[in-house]
Structure formats: structure tokens, C-alpha cells
Amino acid sequence: ERGGGRLVRLSAREHDRTTAATQALTHAVVLSFGLALTRLGVDIRT
């Protein structure tokens, strides 16, 4: 906290359930979006 960090206190189970949404789900959405673009055959410059 003195270093400026904002602590969020969670139980172990709460943490993993929350990060499944904030990290695993988010990364899956972003990377799936990228994969979908490659399958559409669109030009990145366009």
C-alpha cells in the first residue's frame, strides 16, 4: 500500500473464480477475436 498498490482482499476460491473472468475469459475473447479475423481473410491495412 505504501508503494501505491491498491489491495483487493479475496479468499483463494474467490480469487480463482474472479480471475477466471477477468483474465482467462478476457484473454480468450481477445485471442479468439484475432483468430476470427485471420479466418475471414481480411487485409489488416484495410
ModelCIF file with pLDDT and N, C-alpha, C, O atoms, coordinates in Angstrom:
data_MODEL
#
_entry.id   MODEL 
#
_entity.id                         1 
_entity.type                       polymer 
_entity.pdbx_number_of_molecules   1 
#
_entity_poly.entity_id                      1 
_entity_poly.type                           'polypeptide(L)' 
_entity_poly.nstd_linkage                   no 
_entity_poly.nstd_monomer                   no 
_entity_poly.pdbx_seq_one_letter_code       ERGGGRLVRLSAREHDRTTAATQALTHAVVLSFGLALTRLGVDIRT 
_entity_poly.pdbx_seq_one_letter_code_can   ERGGGRLVRLSAREHDRTTAATQALTHAVVLSFGLALTRLGVDIRT 
_entity_poly.pdbx_strand_id                 A 
#
loop_
_entity_poly_seq.entity_id 
_entity_poly_seq.num 
_entity_poly_seq.mon_id 
_entity_poly_seq.hetero 
1 1  GLU n 
1 2  ARG n 
1 3  GLY n 
1 4  GLY n 
1 5  GLY n 
1 6  ARG n 
1 7  LEU n 
1 8  VAL n 
1 9  ARG n 
1 10 LEU n 
1 11 SER n 
1 12 ALA n 
1 13 ARG n 
1 14 GLU n 
1 15 HIS n 
1 16 ASP n 
1 17 ARG n 
1 18 THR n 
1 19 THR n 
1 20 ALA n 
1 21 ALA n 
1 22 THR n 
1 23 GLN n 
1 24 ALA n 
1 25 LEU n 
1 26 THR n 
1 27 HIS n 
1 28 ALA n 
1 29 VAL n 
1 30 VAL n 
1 31 LEU n 
1 32 SER n 
1 33 PHE n 
1 34 GLY n 
1 35 LEU n 
1 36 ALA n 
1 37 LEU n 
1 38 THR n 
1 39 ARG n 
1 40 LEU n 
1 41 GLY n 
1 42 VAL n 
1 43 ASP n 
1 44 ILE n 
1 45 ARG n 
1 46 THR n 
#
_struct_asym.id          A 
_struct_asym.entity_id   1 
#
loop_
_ma_qa_metric.id 
_ma_qa_metric.mode 
_ma_qa_metric.name 
_ma_qa_metric.software_group_id 
_ma_qa_metric.type 
1 global pLDDT . pLDDT 
2 local  pLDDT . pLDDT 
#
_ma_qa_metric_global.metric_id      1 
_ma_qa_metric_global.metric_value   96.46 
_ma_qa_metric_global.model_id       1 
_ma_qa_metric_global.ordinal_id     1 
#
loop_
_ma_qa_metric_local.label_asym_id 
_ma_qa_metric_local.label_comp_id 
_ma_qa_metric_local.label_seq_id 
_ma_qa_metric_local.metric_id 
_ma_qa_metric_local.metric_value 
_ma_qa_metric_local.model_id 
_ma_qa_metric_local.ordinal_id 
A GLU 1  2 98.00 1 1  
A ARG 2  2 97.00 1 2  
A GLY 3  2 97.00 1 3  
A GLY 4  2 97.00 1 4  
A GLY 5  2 97.00 1 5  
A ARG 6  2 98.00 1 6  
A LEU 7  2 98.00 1 7  
A VAL 8  2 98.00 1 8  
A ARG 9  2 98.00 1 9  
A LEU 10 2 97.00 1 10 
A SER 11 2 97.00 1 11 
A ALA 12 2 96.00 1 12 
A ARG 13 2 96.00 1 13 
A GLU 14 2 97.00 1 14 
A HIS 15 2 97.00 1 15 
A ASP 16 2 97.00 1 16 
A ARG 17 2 97.00 1 17 
A THR 18 2 97.00 1 18 
A THR 19 2 96.00 1 19 
A ALA 20 2 97.00 1 20 
A ALA 21 2 97.00 1 21 
A THR 22 2 96.00 1 22 
A GLN 23 2 94.00 1 23 
A ALA 24 2 96.00 1 24 
A LEU 25 2 98.00 1 25 
A THR 26 2 97.00 1 26 
A HIS 27 2 97.00 1 27 
A ALA 28 2 97.00 1 28 
A VAL 29 2 98.00 1 29 
A VAL 30 2 98.00 1 30 
A LEU 31 2 97.00 1 31 
A SER 32 2 97.00 1 32 
A PHE 33 2 97.00 1 33 
A GLY 34 2 97.00 1 34 
A LEU 35 2 96.00 1 35 
A ALA 36 2 96.00 1 36 
A LEU 37 2 96.00 1 37 
A THR 38 2 95.00 1 38 
A ARG 39 2 96.00 1 39 
A LEU 40 2 95.00 1 40 
A GLY 41 2 93.00 1 41 
A VAL 42 2 93.00 1 42 
A ASP 43 2 95.00 1 43 
A ILE 44 2 94.00 1 44 
A ARG 45 2 95.00 1 45 
A THR 46 2 95.00 1 46 
#
loop_
_atom_site.group_PDB 
_atom_site.id 
_atom_site.type_symbol 
_atom_site.label_atom_id 
_atom_site.label_alt_id 
_atom_site.label_comp_id 
_atom_site.label_asym_id 
_atom_site.label_entity_id 
_atom_site.label_seq_id 
_atom_site.pdbx_PDB_ins_code 
_atom_site.Cartn_x 
_atom_site.Cartn_y 
_atom_site.Cartn_z 
_atom_site.occupancy 
_atom_site.B_iso_or_equiv 
_atom_site.pdbx_formal_charge 
_atom_site.auth_seq_id 
_atom_site.auth_comp_id 
_atom_site.auth_asym_id 
_atom_site.auth_atom_id 
_atom_site.pdbx_PDB_model_num 
ATOM 1   N N  . GLU A 1 1  ? 0.828   -1.209  0.000   1.00 98.00 ? 1  GLU A N  1 
ATOM 2   C CA . GLU A 1 1  ? 0.000   0.000   0.000   1.00 98.00 ? 1  GLU A CA 1 
ATOM 3   C C  . GLU A 1 1  ? 0.859   1.254   0.000   1.00 98.00 ? 1  GLU A C  1 
ATOM 4   O O  . GLU A 1 1  ? 0.534   2.224   -0.685  1.00 98.00 ? 1  GLU A O  1 
ATOM 5   N N  . ARG A 1 2  ? 1.943   1.251   0.751   1.00 97.00 ? 2  ARG A N  1 
ATOM 6   C CA . ARG A 1 2  ? 2.841   2.414   0.740   1.00 97.00 ? 2  ARG A CA 1 
ATOM 7   C C  . ARG A 1 2  ? 3.465   2.625   -0.632  1.00 97.00 ? 2  ARG A C  1 
ATOM 8   O O  . ARG A 1 2  ? 3.762   3.753   -1.028  1.00 97.00 ? 2  ARG A O  1 
ATOM 9   N N  . GLY A 1 3  ? 3.661   1.516   -1.358  1.00 97.00 ? 3  GLY A N  1 
ATOM 10  C CA . GLY A 1 3  ? 4.188   1.627   -2.711  1.00 97.00 ? 3  GLY A CA 1 
ATOM 11  C C  . GLY A 1 3  ? 3.158   2.077   -3.729  1.00 97.00 ? 3  GLY A C  1 
ATOM 12  O O  . GLY A 1 3  ? 3.476   2.236   -4.907  1.00 97.00 ? 3  GLY A O  1 
ATOM 13  N N  . GLY A 1 4  ? 1.927   2.285   -3.287  1.00 97.00 ? 4  GLY A N  1 
ATOM 14  C CA . GLY A 1 4  ? 0.870   2.773   -4.178  1.00 97.00 ? 4  GLY A CA 1 
ATOM 15  C C  . GLY A 1 4  ? -0.077  1.711   -4.669  1.00 97.00 ? 4  GLY A C  1 
ATOM 16  O O  . GLY A 1 4  ? -1.032  2.020   -5.381  1.00 97.00 ? 4  GLY A O  1 
ATOM 17  N N  . GLY A 1 5  ? 0.165   0.441   -4.301  1.00 97.00 ? 5  GLY A N  1 
ATOM 18  C CA . GLY A 1 5  ? -0.722  -0.634  -4.743  1.00 97.00 ? 5  GLY A CA 1 
ATOM 19  C C  . GLY A 1 5  ? -2.083  -0.546  -4.077  1.00 97.00 ? 5  GLY A C  1 
ATOM 20  O O  . GLY A 1 5  ? -2.198  -0.117  -2.929  1.00 97.00 ? 5  GLY A O  1 
ATOM 21  N N  . ARG A 1 6  ? -3.104  -0.952  -4.799  1.00 98.00 ? 6  ARG A N  1 
ATOM 22  C CA . ARG A 1 6  ? -4.482  -0.955  -4.278  1.00 98.00 ? 6  ARG A CA 1 
ATOM 23  C C  . ARG A 1 6  ? -4.877  -2.394  -3.971  1.00 98.00 ? 6  ARG A C  1 
ATOM 24  O O  . ARG A 1 6  ? -5.179  -3.165  -4.882  1.00 98.00 ? 6  ARG A O  1 
ATOM 25  N N  . LEU A 1 7  ? -4.875  -2.753  -2.705  1.00 98.00 ? 7  LEU A N  1 
ATOM 26  C CA . LEU A 1 7  ? -5.124  -4.127  -2.293  1.00 98.00 ? 7  LEU A CA 1 
ATOM 27  C C  . LEU A 1 7  ? -6.596  -4.506  -2.439  1.00 98.00 ? 7  LEU A C  1 
ATOM 28  O O  . LEU A 1 7  ? -7.490  -3.743  -2.073  1.00 98.00 ? 7  LEU A O  1 
ATOM 29  N N  . VAL A 1 8  ? -6.822  -5.687  -2.975  1.00 98.00 ? 8  VAL A N  1 
ATOM 30  C CA . VAL A 1 8  ? -8.164  -6.273  -3.038  1.00 98.00 ? 8  VAL A CA 1 
ATOM 31  C C  . VAL A 1 8  ? -8.065  -7.626  -2.341  1.00 98.00 ? 8  VAL A C  1 
ATOM 32  O O  . VAL A 1 8  ? -7.430  -8.545  -2.859  1.00 98.00 ? 8  VAL A O  1 
ATOM 33  N N  . ARG A 1 9  ? -8.683  -7.753  -1.180  1.00 98.00 ? 9  ARG A N  1 
ATOM 34  C CA . ARG A 1 9  ? -8.554  -8.973  -0.375  1.00 98.00 ? 9  ARG A CA 1 
ATOM 35  C C  . ARG A 1 9  ? -9.639  -9.973  -0.772  1.00 98.00 ? 9  ARG A C  1 
ATOM 36  O O  . ARG A 1 9  ? -10.824 -9.644  -0.821  1.00 98.00 ? 9  ARG A O  1 
ATOM 37  N N  . LEU A 1 10 ? -9.208  -11.187 -1.050  1.00 97.00 ? 10 LEU A N  1 
ATOM 38  C CA . LEU A 1 10 ? -10.102 -12.245 -1.511  1.00 97.00 ? 10 LEU A CA 1 
ATOM 39  C C  . LEU A 1 10 ? -9.720  -13.556 -0.845  1.00 97.00 ? 10 LEU A C  1 
ATOM 40  O O  . LEU A 1 10 ? -8.591  -13.722 -0.383  1.00 97.00 ? 10 LEU A O  1 
ATOM 41  N N  . SER A 1 11 ? -10.671 -14.490 -0.799  1.00 97.00 ? 11 SER A N  1 
ATOM 42  C CA . SER A 1 11 ? -10.322 -15.853 -0.438  1.00 97.00 ? 11 SER A CA 1 
ATOM 43  C C  . SER A 1 11 ? -9.711  -16.515 -1.673  1.00 97.00 ? 11 SER A C  1 
ATOM 44  O O  . SER A 1 11 ? -9.820  -15.993 -2.782  1.00 97.00 ? 11 SER A O  1 
ATOM 45  N N  . ALA A 1 12 ? -9.068  -17.669 -1.472  1.00 96.00 ? 12 ALA A N  1 
ATOM 46  C CA . ALA A 1 12 ? -8.448  -18.365 -2.602  1.00 96.00 ? 12 ALA A CA 1 
ATOM 47  C C  . ALA A 1 12 ? -9.491  -18.724 -3.655  1.00 96.00 ? 12 ALA A C  1 
ATOM 48  O O  . ALA A 1 12 ? -9.251  -18.571 -4.852  1.00 96.00 ? 12 ALA A O  1 
ATOM 49  N N  . ARG A 1 13 ? -10.638 -19.196 -3.210  1.00 96.00 ? 13 ARG A N  1 
ATOM 50  C CA . ARG A 1 13 ? -11.681 -19.584 -4.173  1.00 96.00 ? 13 ARG A CA 1 
ATOM 51  C C  . ARG A 1 13 ? -12.252 -18.371 -4.890  1.00 96.00 ? 13 ARG A C  1 
ATOM 52  O O  . ARG A 1 13 ? -12.478 -18.407 -6.099  1.00 96.00 ? 13 ARG A O  1 
ATOM 53  N N  . GLU A 1 14 ? -12.487 -17.290 -4.138  1.00 97.00 ? 14 GLU A N  1 
ATOM 54  C CA . GLU A 1 14 ? -12.975 -16.054 -4.772  1.00 97.00 ? 14 GLU A CA 1 
ATOM 55  C C  . GLU A 1 14 ? -11.976 -15.551 -5.809  1.00 97.00 ? 14 GLU A C  1 
ATOM 56  O O  . GLU A 1 14 ? -12.359 -15.120 -6.896  1.00 97.00 ? 14 GLU A O  1 
ATOM 57  N N  . HIS A 1 15 ? -10.706 -15.609 -5.463  1.00 97.00 ? 15 HIS A N  1 
ATOM 58  C CA . HIS A 1 15 ? -9.665  -15.140 -6.380  1.00 97.00 ? 15 HIS A CA 1 
ATOM 59  C C  . HIS A 1 15 ? -9.715  -15.897 -7.691  1.00 97.00 ? 15 HIS A C  1 
ATOM 60  O O  . HIS A 1 15 ? -9.738  -15.286 -8.760  1.00 97.00 ? 15 HIS A O  1 
ATOM 61  N N  . ASP A 1 16 ? -9.733  -17.233 -7.624  1.00 97.00 ? 16 ASP A N  1 
ATOM 62  C CA . ASP A 1 16 ? -9.675  -18.020 -8.856  1.00 97.00 ? 16 ASP A CA 1 
ATOM 63  C C  . ASP A 1 16 ? -10.953 -17.890 -9.670  1.00 97.00 ? 16 ASP A C  1 
ATOM 64  O O  . ASP A 1 16 ? -10.906 -17.891 -10.900 1.00 97.00 ? 16 ASP A O  1 
ATOM 65  N N  . ARG A 1 17 ? -12.099 -17.776 -8.994  1.00 97.00 ? 17 ARG A N  1 
ATOM 66  C CA . ARG A 1 17 ? -13.343 -17.576 -9.729  1.00 97.00 ? 17 ARG A CA 1 
ATOM 67  C C  . ARG A 1 17 ? -13.355 -16.213 -10.419 1.00 97.00 ? 17 ARG A C  1 
ATOM 68  O O  . ARG A 1 17 ? -13.825 -16.083 -11.549 1.00 97.00 ? 17 ARG A O  1 
ATOM 69  N N  . THR A 1 18 ? -12.831 -15.201 -9.724  1.00 97.00 ? 18 THR A N  1 
ATOM 70  C CA . THR A 1 18 ? -12.800 -13.849 -10.299 1.00 97.00 ? 18 THR A CA 1 
ATOM 71  C C  . THR A 1 18 ? -11.809 -13.761 -11.451 1.00 97.00 ? 18 THR A C  1 
ATOM 72  O O  . THR A 1 18 ? -12.134 -13.210 -12.503 1.00 97.00 ? 18 THR A O  1 
ATOM 73  N N  . THR A 1 19 ? -10.599 -14.300 -11.266 1.00 96.00 ? 19 THR A N  1 
ATOM 74  C CA . THR A 1 19 ? -9.603  -14.193 -12.328 1.00 96.00 ? 19 THR A CA 1 
ATOM 75  C C  . THR A 1 19 ? -9.940  -15.075 -13.529 1.00 96.00 ? 19 THR A C  1 
ATOM 76  O O  . THR A 1 19 ? -9.452  -14.829 -14.632 1.00 96.00 ? 19 THR A O  1 
ATOM 77  N N  . ALA A 1 20 ? -10.771 -16.104 -13.323 1.00 97.00 ? 20 ALA A N  1 
ATOM 78  C CA . ALA A 1 20 ? -11.253 -16.864 -14.482 1.00 97.00 ? 20 ALA A CA 1 
ATOM 79  C C  . ALA A 1 20 ? -12.025 -15.954 -15.421 1.00 97.00 ? 20 ALA A C  1 
ATOM 80  O O  . ALA A 1 20 ? -12.016 -16.146 -16.637 1.00 97.00 ? 20 ALA A O  1 
ATOM 81  N N  . ALA A 1 21 ? -12.702 -14.949 -14.841 1.00 97.00 ? 21 ALA A N  1 
ATOM 82  C CA . ALA A 1 21 ? -13.444 -13.978 -15.658 1.00 97.00 ? 21 ALA A CA 1 
ATOM 83  C C  . ALA A 1 21 ? -12.554 -12.832 -16.127 1.00 97.00 ? 21 ALA A C  1 
ATOM 84  O O  . ALA A 1 21 ? -12.566 -12.478 -17.306 1.00 97.00 ? 21 ALA A O  1 
ATOM 85  N N  . THR A 1 22 ? -11.780 -12.248 -15.204 1.00 96.00 ? 22 THR A N  1 
ATOM 86  C CA . THR A 1 22 ? -11.010 -11.054 -15.562 1.00 96.00 ? 22 THR A CA 1 
ATOM 87  C C  . THR A 1 22 ? -9.791  -11.354 -16.422 1.00 96.00 ? 22 THR A C  1 
ATOM 88  O O  . THR A 1 22 ? -9.351  -10.502 -17.195 1.00 96.00 ? 22 THR A O  1 
ATOM 89  N N  . GLN A 1 23 ? -9.238  -12.563 -16.292 1.00 94.00 ? 23 GLN A N  1 
ATOM 90  C CA . GLN A 1 23 ? -8.045  -12.895 -17.064 1.00 94.00 ? 23 GLN A CA 1 
ATOM 91  C C  . GLN A 1 23 ? -8.323  -13.979 -18.104 1.00 94.00 ? 23 GLN A C  1 
ATOM 92  O O  . GLN A 1 23 ? -8.191  -13.726 -19.301 1.00 94.00 ? 23 GLN A O  1 
ATOM 93  N N  . ALA A 1 24 ? -8.704  -15.178 -17.669 1.00 96.00 ? 24 ALA A N  1 
ATOM 94  C CA . ALA A 1 24 ? -8.887  -16.280 -18.628 1.00 96.00 ? 24 ALA A CA 1 
ATOM 95  C C  . ALA A 1 24 ? -9.938  -15.942 -19.680 1.00 96.00 ? 24 ALA A C  1 
ATOM 96  O O  . ALA A 1 24 ? -9.696  -16.121 -20.874 1.00 96.00 ? 24 ALA A O  1 
ATOM 97  N N  . LEU A 1 25 ? -11.096 -15.458 -19.255 1.00 98.00 ? 25 LEU A N  1 
ATOM 98  C CA . LEU A 1 25 ? -12.154 -15.112 -20.207 1.00 98.00 ? 25 LEU A CA 1 
ATOM 99  C C  . LEU A 1 25 ? -11.730 -13.959 -21.110 1.00 98.00 ? 25 LEU A C  1 
ATOM 100 O O  . LEU A 1 25 ? -11.934 -14.007 -22.324 1.00 98.00 ? 25 LEU A O  1 
ATOM 101 N N  . THR A 1 26 ? -11.142 -12.928 -20.517 1.00 97.00 ? 26 THR A N  1 
ATOM 102 C CA . THR A 1 26 ? -10.729 -11.761 -21.302 1.00 97.00 ? 26 THR A CA 1 
ATOM 103 C C  . THR A 1 26 ? -9.710  -12.138 -22.366 1.00 97.00 ? 26 THR A C  1 
ATOM 104 O O  . THR A 1 26 ? -9.840  -11.741 -23.524 1.00 97.00 ? 26 THR A O  1 
ATOM 105 N N  . HIS A 1 27 ? -8.702  -12.901 -21.977 1.00 97.00 ? 27 HIS A N  1 
ATOM 106 C CA . HIS A 1 27 ? -7.684  -13.304 -22.949 1.00 97.00 ? 27 HIS A CA 1 
ATOM 107 C C  . HIS A 1 27 ? -8.277  -14.195 -24.034 1.00 97.00 ? 27 HIS A C  1 
ATOM 108 O O  . HIS A 1 27 ? -7.906  -14.088 -25.202 1.00 97.00 ? 27 HIS A O  1 
ATOM 109 N N  . ALA A 1 28 ? -9.209  -15.082 -23.643 1.00 97.00 ? 28 ALA A N  1 
ATOM 110 C CA . ALA A 1 28 ? -9.855  -15.941 -24.636 1.00 97.00 ? 28 ALA A CA 1 
ATOM 111 C C  . ALA A 1 28 ? -10.650 -15.118 -25.637 1.00 97.00 ? 28 ALA A C  1 
ATOM 112 O O  . ALA A 1 28 ? -10.634 -15.414 -26.831 1.00 97.00 ? 28 ALA A O  1 
ATOM 113 N N  . VAL A 1 29 ? -11.343 -14.092 -25.167 1.00 98.00 ? 29 VAL A N  1 
ATOM 114 C CA . VAL A 1 29 ? -12.108 -13.213 -26.062 1.00 98.00 ? 29 VAL A CA 1 
ATOM 115 C C  . VAL A 1 29 ? -11.176 -12.522 -27.051 1.00 98.00 ? 29 VAL A C  1 
ATOM 116 O O  . VAL A 1 29 ? -11.429 -12.525 -28.255 1.00 98.00 ? 29 VAL A O  1 
ATOM 117 N N  . VAL A 1 30 ? -10.102 -11.933 -26.542 1.00 98.00 ? 30 VAL A N  1 
ATOM 118 C CA . VAL A 1 30 ? -9.199  -11.152 -27.393 1.00 98.00 ? 30 VAL A CA 1 
ATOM 119 C C  . VAL A 1 30 ? -8.506  -12.037 -28.423 1.00 98.00 ? 30 VAL A C  1 
ATOM 120 O O  . VAL A 1 30 ? -8.446  -11.681 -29.600 1.00 98.00 ? 30 VAL A O  1 
ATOM 121 N N  . LEU A 1 31 ? -7.983  -13.184 -27.998 1.00 97.00 ? 31 LEU A N  1 
ATOM 122 C CA . LEU A 1 31 ? -7.284  -14.057 -28.934 1.00 97.00 ? 31 LEU A CA 1 
ATOM 123 C C  . LEU A 1 31 ? -8.247  -14.718 -29.918 1.00 97.00 ? 31 LEU A C  1 
ATOM 124 O O  . LEU A 1 31 ? -7.886  -14.937 -31.075 1.00 97.00 ? 31 LEU A O  1 
ATOM 125 N N  . SER A 1 32 ? -9.464  -15.040 -29.480 1.00 97.00 ? 32 SER A N  1 
ATOM 126 C CA . SER A 1 32 ? -10.466 -15.597 -30.399 1.00 97.00 ? 32 SER A CA 1 
ATOM 127 C C  . SER A 1 32 ? -10.876 -14.570 -31.445 1.00 97.00 ? 32 SER A C  1 
ATOM 128 O O  . SER A 1 32 ? -11.096 -14.912 -32.607 1.00 97.00 ? 32 SER A O  1 
ATOM 129 N N  . PHE A 1 33 ? -10.976 -13.317 -31.031 1.00 97.00 ? 33 PHE A N  1 
ATOM 130 C CA . PHE A 1 33 ? -11.248 -12.231 -31.986 1.00 97.00 ? 33 PHE A CA 1 
ATOM 131 C C  . PHE A 1 33 ? -10.162 -12.184 -33.053 1.00 97.00 ? 33 PHE A C  1 
ATOM 132 O O  . PHE A 1 33 ? -10.462 -12.057 -34.240 1.00 97.00 ? 33 PHE A O  1 
ATOM 133 N N  . GLY A 1 34 ? -8.898  -12.285 -32.634 1.00 97.00 ? 34 GLY A N  1 
ATOM 134 C CA . GLY A 1 34 ? -7.806  -12.270 -33.598 1.00 97.00 ? 34 GLY A CA 1 
ATOM 135 C C  . GLY A 1 34 ? -7.851  -13.467 -34.528 1.00 97.00 ? 34 GLY A C  1 
ATOM 136 O O  . GLY A 1 34 ? -7.649  -13.319 -35.733 1.00 97.00 ? 34 GLY A O  1 
ATOM 137 N N  . LEU A 1 35 ? -8.114  -14.659 -33.984 1.00 96.00 ? 35 LEU A N  1 
ATOM 138 C CA . LEU A 1 35 ? -8.217  -15.851 -34.823 1.00 96.00 ? 35 LEU A CA 1 
ATOM 139 C C  . LEU A 1 35 ? -9.354  -15.726 -35.829 1.00 96.00 ? 35 LEU A C  1 
ATOM 140 O O  . LEU A 1 35 ? -9.221  -16.148 -36.978 1.00 96.00 ? 35 LEU A O  1 
ATOM 141 N N  . ALA A 1 36 ? -10.474 -15.146 -35.396 1.00 96.00 ? 36 ALA A N  1 
ATOM 142 C CA . ALA A 1 36 ? -11.606 -14.966 -36.311 1.00 96.00 ? 36 ALA A CA 1 
ATOM 143 C C  . ALA A 1 36 ? -11.226 -14.060 -37.475 1.00 96.00 ? 36 ALA A C  1 
ATOM 144 O O  . ALA A 1 36 ? -11.623 -14.307 -38.614 1.00 96.00 ? 36 ALA A O  1 
ATOM 145 N N  . LEU A 1 37 ? -10.456 -13.008 -37.190 1.00 96.00 ? 37 LEU A N  1 
ATOM 146 C CA . LEU A 1 37 ? -10.019 -12.110 -38.264 1.00 96.00 ? 37 LEU A CA 1 
ATOM 147 C C  . LEU A 1 37 ? -9.160  -12.855 -39.282 1.00 96.00 ? 37 LEU A C  1 
ATOM 148 O O  . LEU A 1 37 ? -9.300  -12.642 -40.487 1.00 96.00 ? 37 LEU A O  1 
ATOM 149 N N  . THR A 1 38 ? -8.268  -13.731 -38.802 1.00 95.00 ? 38 THR A N  1 
ATOM 150 C CA . THR A 1 38 ? -7.420  -14.463 -39.747 1.00 95.00 ? 38 THR A CA 1 
ATOM 151 C C  . THR A 1 38 ? -8.252  -15.392 -40.624 1.00 95.00 ? 38 THR A C  1 
ATOM 152 O O  . THR A 1 38 ? -7.897  -15.627 -41.779 1.00 95.00 ? 38 THR A O  1 
ATOM 153 N N  . ARG A 1 39 ? -9.338  -15.918 -40.101 1.00 96.00 ? 39 ARG A N  1 
ATOM 154 C CA . ARG A 1 39 ? -10.186 -16.831 -40.870 1.00 96.00 ? 39 ARG A CA 1 
ATOM 155 C C  . ARG A 1 39 ? -11.099 -16.098 -41.848 1.00 96.00 ? 39 ARG A C  1 
ATOM 156 O O  . ARG A 1 39 ? -11.590 -16.701 -42.802 1.00 96.00 ? 39 ARG A O  1 
ATOM 157 N N  . LEU A 1 40 ? -11.330 -14.821 -41.625 1.00 95.00 ? 40 LEU A N  1 
ATOM 158 C CA . LEU A 1 40 ? -12.154 -14.030 -42.542 1.00 95.00 ? 40 LEU A CA 1 
ATOM 159 C C  . LEU A 1 40 ? -11.378 -13.612 -43.787 1.00 95.00 ? 40 LEU A C  1 
ATOM 160 O O  . LEU A 1 40 ? -11.976 -13.227 -44.791 1.00 95.00 ? 40 LEU A O  1 
ATOM 161 N N  . GLY A 1 41 ? -10.058 -13.684 -43.727 1.00 93.00 ? 41 GLY A N  1 
ATOM 162 C CA . GLY A 1 41 ? -9.252  -13.335 -44.884 1.00 93.00 ? 41 GLY A CA 1 
ATOM 163 C C  . GLY A 1 41 ? -9.206  -11.855 -45.192 1.00 93.00 ? 41 GLY A C  1 
ATOM 164 O O  . GLY A 1 41 ? -8.979  -11.469 -46.338 1.00 93.00 ? 41 GLY A O  1 
ATOM 165 N N  . VAL A 1 42 ? -9.416  -11.018 -44.188 1.00 93.00 ? 42 VAL A N  1 
ATOM 166 C CA . VAL A 1 42 ? -9.405  -9.568  -44.415 1.00 93.00 ? 42 VAL A CA 1 
ATOM 167 C C  . VAL A 1 42 ? -7.978  -9.046  -44.338 1.00 93.00 ? 42 VAL A C  1 
ATOM 168 O O  . VAL A 1 42 ? -7.117  -9.640  -43.689 1.00 93.00 ? 42 VAL A O  1 
ATOM 169 N N  . ASP A 1 43 ? -7.745  -7.925  -45.012 1.00 95.00 ? 43 ASP A N  1 
ATOM 170 C CA . ASP A 1 43 ? -6.417  -7.317  -45.045 1.00 95.00 ? 43 ASP A CA 1 
ATOM 171 C C  . ASP A 1 43 ? -6.271  -6.370  -43.861 1.00 95.00 ? 43 ASP A C  1 
ATOM 172 O O  . ASP A 1 43 ? -7.129  -5.514  -43.645 1.00 95.00 ? 43 ASP A O  1 
ATOM 173 N N  . ILE A 1 44 ? -5.192  -6.513  -43.089 1.00 94.00 ? 44 ILE A N  1 
ATOM 174 C CA . ILE A 1 44 ? -5.031  -5.710  -41.887 1.00 94.00 ? 44 ILE A CA 1 
ATOM 175 C C  . ILE A 1 44 ? -4.889  -4.232  -42.207 1.00 94.00 ? 44 ILE A C  1 
ATOM 176 O O  . ILE A 1 44 ? -5.307  -3.387  -41.415 1.00 94.00 ? 44 ILE A O  1 
ATOM 177 N N  . ARG A 1 45 ? -4.303  -3.906  -43.357 1.00 95.00 ? 45 ARG A N  1 
ATOM 178 C CA . ARG A 1 45 ? -4.167  -2.490  -43.711 1.00 95.00 ? 45 ARG A CA 1 
ATOM 179 C C  . ARG A 1 45 ? -5.523  -1.874  -44.005 1.00 95.00 ? 45 ARG A C  1 
ATOM 180 O O  . ARG A 1 45 ? -5.783  -0.724  -43.650 1.00 95.00 ? 45 ARG A O  1 
ATOM 181 N N  . THR A 1 46 ? -6.390  -2.648  -44.658 1.00 95.00 ? 46 THR A N  1 
ATOM 182 C CA . THR A 1 46 ? -7.740  -2.152  -44.923 1.00 95.00 ? 46 THR A CA 1 
ATOM 183 C C  . THR A 1 46 ? -8.530  -2.024  -43.628 1.00 95.00 ? 46 THR A C  1 
ATOM 184 O O  . THR A 1 46 ? -9.692  -1.620  -43.651 1.00 95.00 ? 46 THR A O  1 
#
